[in-house]
């Protein structure tokens, strides 16, 4: 039979021209969408990284606040010290709950109760409207001010505590920072429209192309590998192109429970353990020594051969390098944790803080 789009015969001019027009349109949209989508993906990944960075800074600020409280509040005021440390952890957890949009929910109350971070009427006294974390920071500053007024801590120590509270509040007040980090709505709409039009035109163009191939070769096309390879390429292309756009929603909030999100449970467990051990206040013997020249022995360590051997052993440990994600998409690169972390009991912290 006649070929559908033979340049000489061309007995189906409307279909042939439509197919050619669809191919040209698909190419034009593909080029335009590639540039726009590239910038969109870079911006989404950058926002995701900045929010994870903000979480890391909050964790460091919380640890600094706990250390400042333990170092500057005297041991004679053990109840006040433990209360301040508990409030520091409570403020940290509320900052994360706020980023998850769950700080005002019943589930948040049950979560904080399970961690033994709430006492008496504290939940009822929180200021609503996303200010629960700020309320706790206010309590910490107020309590520190009371200790200063009662001459339990000096003005200098109060200033240190106040500065630590301020830095911690600045780091964790709004981890999501939607006002300055969210993608503009019109920009997202244009990207979505370009991606959808590109996928639509590409699919329709391929459909007409396959229809012409079927008309020209009949059922023989189904025994040729070209049609199946073409279908596979179209499917994977459309899937990957759509997934690149969906990256915006997948990376929008890194504070969820997914494997790609921040491991908040392990991190908060580490912070609570730090708080527990610091509350005990067990110091090394060297803390009380003076005029002992043996403390400078670390300056005389010249055994470079031994150090090189130990460094070589460390470099072979599984905790140094993560596994490649090339053949394991969707799975996190994991690192081994200290087994002792799993034995930490939050009830021990509750007892210590309530003493």
Protein backbone atom coordinates (compact mmCIF):
# COMPACT_ATOMS: atom_id res chain seq x y z
CA UNK A 1 0.00 0.00 0.00
CA UNK A 2 0.88 3.63 -0.17
CA UNK A 3 2.99 5.14 2.58
CA UNK A 4 1.12 7.74 4.63
CA UNK A 5 3.74 10.47 4.47
CA UNK A 6 5.76 9.77 1.34
CA UNK A 7 6.96 13.13 0.04
CA UNK A 8 6.00 12.18 -3.49
CA UNK A 9 2.65 10.48 -2.90
CA UNK A 10 1.55 12.27 0.30
CA UNK A 11 -2.06 11.11 0.12
CA UNK A 12 -2.67 12.10 3.80
CA UNK A 13 -1.39 15.71 3.83
CA UNK A 14 -3.34 16.88 6.88
CA UNK A 15 -2.08 14.05 9.13
CA UNK A 16 1.48 14.43 7.92
CA UNK A 17 1.52 18.18 8.49
CA UNK A 18 -0.12 17.78 11.90
CA UNK A 19 2.51 15.22 12.91
CA UNK A 20 5.32 17.48 11.74
CA UNK A 21 3.78 20.45 13.57
CA UNK A 22 3.43 18.46 16.78
CA UNK A 23 7.06 17.36 16.58
CA UNK A 24 8.24 20.95 16.11
CA UNK A 25 6.05 22.18 18.97
CA UNK A 26 7.28 19.42 21.27
CA UNK A 27 10.89 20.34 20.53
CA UNK A 28 10.25 24.04 21.22
CA UNK A 29 8.47 23.35 24.50
CA UNK A 30 11.14 20.83 25.47
CA UNK A 31 13.92 23.39 25.10
CA UNK A 32 11.99 26.10 26.96
CA UNK A 33 10.89 23.76 29.74
CA UNK A 34 14.45 22.47 30.17
CA UNK A 35 15.79 25.94 30.97
CA UNK A 36 12.91 26.87 33.27
CA UNK A 37 12.81 23.50 35.00
CA UNK A 38 16.58 23.52 35.53
CA UNK A 39 16.40 26.76 37.50
CA UNK A 40 13.34 25.49 39.34
CA UNK A 41 15.11 22.32 40.48
CA UNK A 42 18.22 24.22 41.58
CA UNK A 43 16.08 26.63 43.60
CA UNK A 44 14.11 23.78 45.23
CA UNK A 45 17.26 21.90 46.24
CA UNK A 46 18.84 25.10 47.56
CA UNK A 47 15.77 25.80 49.71
CA UNK A 48 15.81 22.23 51.01
CA UNK A 49 19.47 22.54 51.96
CA UNK A 50 18.96 25.89 53.69
CA UNK A 51 16.16 24.46 55.85
CA UNK A 52 18.27 21.48 56.86
CA UNK A 53 21.11 23.90 57.64
CA UNK A 54 18.74 25.92 59.83
CA UNK A 55 17.86 22.75 61.73
CA UNK A 56 21.53 21.98 62.30
CA UNK A 57 22.09 25.49 63.62
CA UNK A 58 19.11 25.08 65.96
CA UNK A 59 20.58 21.82 67.31
CA UNK A 60 23.94 23.48 67.95
CA UNK A 61 22.29 26.49 69.59
CA UNK A 62 20.23 24.19 71.83
CA UNK A 63 23.34 22.33 72.91
CA UNK A 64 25.06 25.65 73.60
CA UNK A 65 22.08 26.80 75.67
CA UNK A 66 22.09 23.57 77.72
CA UNK A 67 25.83 23.89 78.33
CA UNK A 68 25.46 27.56 79.30
CA UNK A 69 22.69 26.76 81.78
CA UNK A 70 24.62 23.92 83.35
CA UNK A 71 27.83 25.98 83.56
CA UNK A 72 26.37 29.22 84.89
CA UNK A 73 23.62 28.10 87.25
CA UNK A 74 25.22 26.92 90.52
CA UNK A 75 24.77 23.37 91.75
CA UNK A 76 22.97 24.71 94.84
CA UNK A 77 20.07 25.65 92.56
CA UNK A 78 19.65 22.13 91.16
CA UNK A 79 15.87 22.34 90.73
CA UNK A 80 16.11 25.60 88.80
CA UNK A 81 18.98 24.26 86.71
CA UNK A 82 17.07 21.13 85.74
CA UNK A 83 13.94 23.13 85.01
CA UNK A 84 15.84 25.46 82.71
CA UNK A 85 17.43 22.53 80.89
CA UNK A 86 14.01 20.87 80.49
CA UNK A 87 12.61 24.10 79.08
CA UNK A 88 15.53 24.34 76.63
CA UNK A 89 14.68 20.88 75.26
CA UNK A 90 10.97 21.75 75.26
CA UNK A 91 11.62 24.88 73.20
CA UNK A 92 13.74 22.87 70.77
CA UNK A 93 10.99 20.28 70.27
CA UNK A 94 8.36 23.00 69.83
CA UNK A 95 10.48 24.64 67.12
CA UNK A 96 10.49 21.38 65.16
CA UNK A 97 6.76 20.80 65.78
CA UNK A 98 6.10 24.30 64.47
CA UNK A 99 8.02 23.50 61.28
CA UNK A 100 5.80 20.42 60.92
CA UNK A 101 2.63 22.52 61.38
CA UNK A 102 1.65 20.37 64.36
CA UNK A 103 2.60 22.48 67.39
CA UNK A 104 -1.05 23.25 68.26
CA UNK A 105 -2.40 19.73 67.84
CA UNK A 106 -3.40 17.06 70.33
CA UNK A 107 -0.68 14.81 68.89
CA UNK A 108 1.95 17.42 69.80
CA UNK A 109 0.70 17.47 73.39
CA UNK A 110 0.86 13.67 73.60
CA UNK A 111 4.34 13.68 72.06
CA UNK A 112 5.70 16.19 74.58
CA UNK A 113 4.03 14.32 77.42
CA UNK A 114 5.69 11.10 76.28
CA UNK A 115 9.05 12.87 76.51
CA UNK A 116 8.18 14.09 80.04
CA UNK A 117 8.79 17.68 78.98
CA UNK A 118 5.50 19.15 80.25
CA UNK A 119 4.55 19.76 83.87
CA UNK A 120 1.37 20.96 85.53
CA UNK A 121 -0.25 23.86 83.63
CA UNK A 122 2.55 24.63 81.18
CA UNK A 123 0.63 23.49 78.07
CA UNK A 124 -2.34 25.69 78.99
CA UNK A 125 -0.11 28.73 79.42
CA UNK A 126 1.46 28.52 75.97
CA UNK A 127 0.77 31.51 73.73
CA UNK A 128 -0.99 30.30 70.58
CA UNK A 129 -0.46 31.48 67.02
CA UNK A 130 2.86 29.76 66.49
CA UNK A 131 4.35 31.25 69.66
CA UNK A 132 4.63 28.19 71.89
CA UNK A 133 8.38 28.02 71.40
CA UNK A 134 8.73 31.75 72.04
CA UNK A 135 6.75 31.32 75.25
CA UNK A 136 9.28 28.81 76.56
CA UNK A 137 12.21 31.05 75.64
CA UNK A 138 10.47 33.83 77.56
CA UNK A 139 10.16 31.52 80.58
CA UNK A 140 13.87 30.73 80.44
CA UNK A 141 14.85 34.39 80.32
CA UNK A 142 12.41 35.24 83.11
CA UNK A 143 13.73 32.43 85.31
CA UNK A 144 17.31 33.55 84.70
CA UNK A 145 16.29 37.09 85.63
CA UNK A 146 14.77 35.80 88.88
CA UNK A 147 18.01 33.99 89.71
CA UNK A 148 19.92 37.20 89.09
CA UNK A 149 17.54 39.20 91.29
CA UNK A 150 17.97 36.66 94.07
CA UNK A 151 21.77 36.93 93.70
CA UNK A 152 22.05 33.28 92.71
CA UNK A 153 23.93 34.21 89.54
CA UNK A 154 25.95 37.30 88.68
CA UNK A 155 25.04 39.91 86.09
CA UNK A 156 27.66 38.48 83.75
CA UNK A 157 26.25 34.98 83.99
CA UNK A 158 22.74 36.28 83.41
CA UNK A 159 23.94 38.09 80.28
CA UNK A 160 25.55 34.87 79.01
CA UNK A 161 22.30 32.96 79.52
CA UNK A 162 20.25 35.72 77.91
CA UNK A 163 22.50 35.79 74.85
CA UNK A 164 22.28 32.01 74.51
CA UNK A 165 18.49 32.15 74.67
CA UNK A 166 18.37 34.90 72.06
CA UNK A 167 20.59 32.99 69.63
CA UNK A 168 18.61 29.79 70.11
CA UNK A 169 15.31 31.60 69.52
CA UNK A 170 16.65 33.24 66.37
CA UNK A 171 17.79 29.89 64.97
CA UNK A 172 14.58 28.01 65.66
CA UNK A 173 11.77 30.55 65.54
CA UNK A 174 10.80 29.71 61.96
CA UNK A 175 12.71 26.80 60.49
CA UNK A 176 10.55 26.77 57.36
CA UNK A 177 10.87 30.54 56.71
CA UNK A 178 7.96 30.45 54.28
CA UNK A 179 7.95 34.24 53.87
CA UNK A 180 11.37 34.38 52.23
CA UNK A 181 12.13 30.82 51.07
CA UNK A 182 8.93 29.57 49.43
CA UNK A 183 8.74 29.55 45.64
CA UNK A 184 6.54 32.34 44.20
CA UNK A 185 3.12 31.04 43.21
CA UNK A 186 3.17 32.40 39.63
CA UNK A 187 6.62 30.90 39.06
CA UNK A 188 5.44 27.46 40.20
CA UNK A 189 2.34 27.77 37.98
CA UNK A 190 4.39 28.63 34.90
CA UNK A 191 6.78 25.74 35.54
CA UNK A 192 3.87 23.33 36.00
CA UNK A 193 2.17 24.54 32.82
CA UNK A 194 5.36 24.21 30.76
CA UNK A 195 6.06 20.71 32.08
CA UNK A 196 2.49 19.53 31.43
CA UNK A 197 2.37 21.03 27.92
CA UNK A 198 5.73 19.50 27.08
CA UNK A 199 4.63 16.06 28.23
CA UNK A 200 1.28 16.38 26.43
CA UNK A 201 2.74 17.49 23.09
CA UNK A 202 5.51 14.89 23.26
CA UNK A 203 3.02 12.09 23.94
CA UNK A 204 0.58 13.20 21.21
CA UNK A 205 3.40 13.62 18.71
CA UNK A 206 4.64 10.12 19.46
CA UNK A 207 1.10 8.77 19.17
CA UNK A 208 0.69 10.15 15.64
CA UNK A 209 4.14 8.88 14.73
CA UNK A 210 3.25 5.37 15.88
CA UNK A 211 -0.07 5.53 14.03
CA UNK A 212 1.75 6.34 10.78
CA UNK A 213 4.23 3.52 11.42
CA UNK A 214 1.32 1.13 11.98
CA UNK A 215 -0.37 2.32 8.75
CA UNK A 216 2.82 1.86 6.72
CA UNK A 217 3.93 -1.53 8.07
CA UNK A 218 0.72 -3.05 9.40
CA UNK A 219 0.93 -5.69 12.10
CA UNK A 220 4.60 -6.28 11.32
CA UNK A 221 5.48 -3.31 13.52
CA UNK A 222 4.67 -5.36 16.61
CA UNK A 223 7.40 -7.88 15.86
CA UNK A 224 10.03 -5.18 15.48
CA UNK A 225 11.96 -3.92 18.51
CA UNK A 226 11.78 -0.28 17.42
CA UNK A 227 8.23 0.25 18.67
CA UNK A 228 8.98 -1.18 22.11
CA UNK A 229 12.20 0.79 22.48
CA UNK A 230 10.35 3.95 21.47
CA UNK A 231 7.60 3.28 24.03
CA UNK A 232 10.20 2.66 26.74
CA UNK A 233 12.04 5.91 25.92
CA UNK A 234 8.81 7.92 25.96
CA UNK A 235 7.68 6.41 29.26
CA UNK A 236 11.00 6.99 31.04
CA UNK A 237 11.35 10.49 29.59
CA UNK A 238 7.89 11.55 30.75
CA UNK A 239 8.39 9.94 34.14
CA UNK A 240 11.75 11.56 34.84
CA UNK A 241 10.60 14.96 33.54
CA UNK A 242 7.53 14.86 35.77
CA UNK A 243 9.60 13.67 38.75
CA UNK A 244 11.96 16.62 38.38
CA UNK A 245 9.03 18.97 38.80
CA UNK A 246 7.61 16.95 41.69
CA UNK A 247 10.94 17.47 43.39
CA UNK A 248 9.56 20.79 44.61
CA UNK A 249 6.87 19.14 46.72
CA UNK A 250 9.10 16.21 47.76
CA UNK A 251 11.79 18.54 49.15
CA UNK A 252 9.50 21.28 50.41
CA UNK A 253 9.43 20.26 54.09
CA UNK A 254 12.44 18.24 55.32
CA UNK A 255 11.03 17.86 58.85
CA UNK A 256 8.74 14.91 58.19
CA UNK A 257 9.08 11.20 59.00
CA UNK A 258 10.33 10.09 55.56
CA UNK A 259 13.76 8.49 55.08
CA UNK A 260 14.91 11.55 53.12
CA UNK A 261 13.93 13.89 55.96
CA UNK A 262 15.95 15.02 58.95
CA UNK A 263 16.53 12.19 61.48
CA UNK A 264 14.98 14.22 64.28
CA UNK A 265 14.32 11.29 66.61
CA UNK A 266 18.00 10.31 66.79
CA UNK A 267 19.17 13.91 66.97
CA UNK A 268 16.77 14.85 69.76
CA UNK A 269 17.73 11.68 71.63
CA UNK A 270 21.36 12.79 71.48
CA UNK A 271 20.44 16.24 72.83
CA UNK A 272 18.36 14.76 75.66
CA UNK A 273 21.22 12.49 76.59
CA UNK A 274 23.56 15.48 76.70
CA UNK A 275 21.08 17.23 78.99
CA UNK A 276 20.85 14.21 81.28
CA UNK A 277 24.61 13.77 81.64
CA UNK A 278 25.21 17.50 82.13
CA UNK A 279 22.49 17.63 84.78
CA UNK A 280 24.37 14.99 86.75
CA UNK A 281 27.37 17.28 86.69
CA UNK A 282 30.05 14.59 86.92
CA UNK A 283 33.38 16.28 86.19
CA UNK A 284 36.81 14.71 85.49
CA UNK A 285 39.41 14.57 88.23
CA UNK A 286 41.67 16.85 86.23
CA UNK A 287 39.08 19.62 86.70
CA UNK A 288 40.20 20.01 90.33
CA UNK A 289 43.95 19.73 89.76
CA UNK A 290 46.30 22.68 89.49
CA UNK A 291 49.99 23.22 88.82
CA UNK A 292 50.33 19.73 87.34
CA UNK A 293 52.78 19.68 84.44
CA UNK A 294 51.49 16.29 83.29
CA UNK A 295 48.45 18.00 81.81
CA UNK A 296 50.68 19.36 79.04
CA UNK A 297 51.69 15.89 77.85
CA UNK A 298 49.45 16.10 74.80
CA UNK A 299 51.86 18.68 73.38
CA UNK A 300 54.67 16.10 73.31
CA UNK A 301 52.92 13.44 71.22
CA UNK A 302 55.39 12.81 68.36
CA UNK A 303 54.55 9.16 67.55
CA UNK A 304 53.50 9.94 63.97
CA UNK A 305 53.82 6.28 62.93
CA UNK A 306 51.27 5.16 65.51
CA UNK A 307 48.95 8.01 64.60
CA UNK A 308 49.16 7.11 60.91
CA UNK A 309 48.28 3.49 61.73
CA UNK A 310 45.25 4.51 63.77
CA UNK A 311 44.10 6.92 61.07
CA UNK A 312 44.35 4.12 58.51
CA UNK A 313 42.12 1.92 60.69
CA UNK A 314 39.60 4.72 61.04
CA UNK A 315 39.44 5.26 57.30
CA UNK A 316 38.46 1.61 56.82
CA UNK A 317 35.59 1.78 59.30
CA UNK A 318 32.04 1.65 57.98
CA UNK A 319 31.20 4.86 59.77
CA UNK A 320 33.49 6.96 57.58
CA UNK A 321 32.07 6.49 54.12
CA UNK A 322 28.45 6.07 53.05
CA UNK A 323 27.29 3.66 50.39
CA UNK A 324 26.72 4.80 46.84
CA UNK A 325 23.14 5.80 45.99
CA UNK A 326 23.64 5.21 42.27
CA UNK A 327 22.00 1.77 42.27
CA UNK A 328 19.89 2.33 45.38
CA UNK A 329 17.59 5.27 44.51
CA UNK A 330 15.28 6.51 47.20
CA UNK A 331 17.36 5.14 50.09
CA UNK A 332 19.36 7.24 52.49
CA UNK A 333 23.09 6.89 52.98
CA UNK A 334 23.17 5.60 56.54
CA UNK A 335 25.92 5.67 59.12
CA UNK A 336 26.39 3.38 62.05
CA UNK A 337 25.22 4.73 65.38
CA UNK A 338 26.72 4.15 68.78
CA UNK A 339 24.91 1.21 70.37
CA UNK A 340 24.81 3.02 73.68
CA UNK A 341 22.41 5.56 72.18
CA UNK A 342 19.74 2.91 72.02
CA UNK A 343 19.92 2.29 75.78
CA UNK A 344 19.07 5.85 76.73
CA UNK A 345 15.83 5.99 78.71
CA UNK A 346 13.86 9.22 78.72
CA UNK A 347 12.44 8.26 82.12
CA UNK A 348 15.93 8.66 83.58
CA UNK A 349 15.98 12.25 82.34
CA UNK A 350 12.53 12.84 83.80
CA UNK A 351 13.67 11.65 87.21
CA UNK A 352 16.81 13.75 87.04
CA UNK A 353 14.96 16.91 86.00
CA UNK A 354 12.24 16.46 88.60
CA UNK A 355 14.59 15.97 91.50
